[in-house]
Protein backbone atom coordinates (compact mmCIF):
# COMPACT_ATOMS: atom_id res chain seq x y z
CA MET A 1 115.58 87.72 121.73
CA PHE A 2 111.84 88.33 121.39
CA LYS A 3 111.30 86.18 118.28
CA PRO A 4 110.11 83.02 120.08
CA ARG A 5 107.46 85.02 121.96
CA LEU A 6 106.34 86.82 118.84
CA ALA A 7 105.98 83.57 116.90
CA ARG A 8 103.86 82.11 119.68
CA TRP A 9 101.53 85.13 119.68
CA LYS A 10 101.45 85.60 115.90
CA ASP A 11 97.96 87.12 115.78
CA ASP A 12 97.61 88.38 119.35
CA THR A 13 97.87 92.13 118.79
CA ALA A 14 97.86 93.07 122.47
CA ALA A 15 100.58 90.59 123.44
CA ILE A 16 102.85 91.51 120.54
CA SER A 17 102.33 95.21 121.22
CA ARG A 18 103.36 94.71 124.86
CA VAL A 19 106.56 92.98 123.76
CA TYR A 20 107.48 95.77 121.34
CA GLU A 21 106.50 98.53 123.77
CA THR A 22 108.57 96.98 126.56
CA PHE A 23 111.60 96.58 124.31
CA LEU A 24 111.29 100.03 122.74
CA SER A 25 110.85 101.74 126.11
CA GLU A 26 114.34 100.48 126.98
CA PHE A 27 115.89 100.86 123.51
CA PRO A 28 114.00 103.67 121.76
CA LEU A 29 116.72 104.31 119.16
CA CYS A 30 116.42 100.83 117.63
CA TYR A 31 114.64 102.10 114.56
CA GLY A 32 114.49 98.63 112.98
CA TYR A 33 112.20 97.45 115.77
CA TRP A 34 109.98 100.48 115.30
CA GLU A 35 109.67 99.37 111.67
CA LYS A 36 108.81 95.82 112.70
CA TYR A 37 106.25 97.16 115.16
CA ALA A 38 104.65 99.33 112.45
CA THR A 39 104.57 96.34 110.08
CA HIS A 40 102.86 94.26 112.77
CA LYS A 41 100.25 96.98 113.29
CA ALA A 42 99.72 97.29 109.52
CA ARG A 43 99.04 93.57 109.29
CA LEU A 44 96.57 93.36 112.18
CA CYS A 45 95.25 96.85 112.95
CA THR A 46 93.93 100.03 111.41
CA ILE A 47 95.95 102.64 109.55
CA ASP A 48 95.50 105.00 112.50
CA LYS A 49 97.29 102.51 114.76
CA VAL A 50 100.20 102.32 112.31
CA ILE A 51 100.39 106.12 112.24
CA GLU A 52 100.48 106.14 116.06
CA VAL A 53 103.48 103.80 116.01
CA TYR A 54 105.29 105.95 113.45
CA GLU A 55 104.51 109.09 115.47
CA GLU A 56 106.03 107.53 118.59
CA ALA A 57 108.97 106.27 116.56
CA VAL A 58 109.94 109.61 115.04
CA LYS A 59 109.69 111.26 118.45
CA ALA A 60 112.02 108.64 119.92
CA ALA A 61 114.45 108.38 116.99
CA THR A 62 114.06 111.83 115.48
CA TYR A 63 117.28 111.70 113.45
CA SER A 64 116.67 108.33 111.81
CA VAL A 65 116.48 109.03 108.09
CA ASP A 66 115.37 105.46 107.38
CA LEU A 67 112.49 105.77 109.82
CA TRP A 68 111.32 109.08 108.36
CA THR A 69 111.61 107.68 104.82
CA ASN A 70 109.51 104.64 105.70
CA TYR A 71 106.94 106.76 107.53
CA CYS A 72 106.65 109.08 104.52
CA SER A 73 106.36 106.12 102.12
CA PHE A 74 103.64 104.58 104.28
CA ALA A 75 101.68 107.84 104.37
CA MET A 76 101.96 108.32 100.60
CA GLN A 77 100.83 104.74 100.00
CA PHE A 78 97.63 105.08 102.03
CA TYR A 79 96.78 108.75 101.57
CA LYS A 80 96.60 109.67 97.92
CA ASP A 81 95.67 113.30 98.65
CA LEU A 82 98.89 115.28 99.13
CA ASP A 83 97.23 117.54 101.69
CA ASP A 84 96.57 114.50 103.89
CA VAL A 85 100.21 113.44 103.60
CA ARG A 86 101.47 116.95 104.39
CA ARG A 87 99.24 117.09 107.46
CA TYR A 88 101.17 114.21 109.03
CA PHE A 89 104.51 115.90 108.55
CA LYS A 90 103.59 119.38 109.72
CA PHE A 91 105.13 120.26 113.07
CA GLU A 92 103.92 123.09 115.21
């Protein structure tokens, strides 16, 4: 569906983000697309931008075990200090 557009804008972060955001605003429970969006951000943006995507994703698809697992794995990969990892998963 969106693949031809994404291929055309391979390194255009803003354009690809708009495509994902438009799709995910209509279909927020499609956790696989949240993963693809996070992967895109990881390739072209900062870690903070990837965390923002995962934060939005777990709010939208709260009960997706796969999404939570991938978010946790990402955090553990980039933040070696366990306190930093715990900070991301603490809900108030």
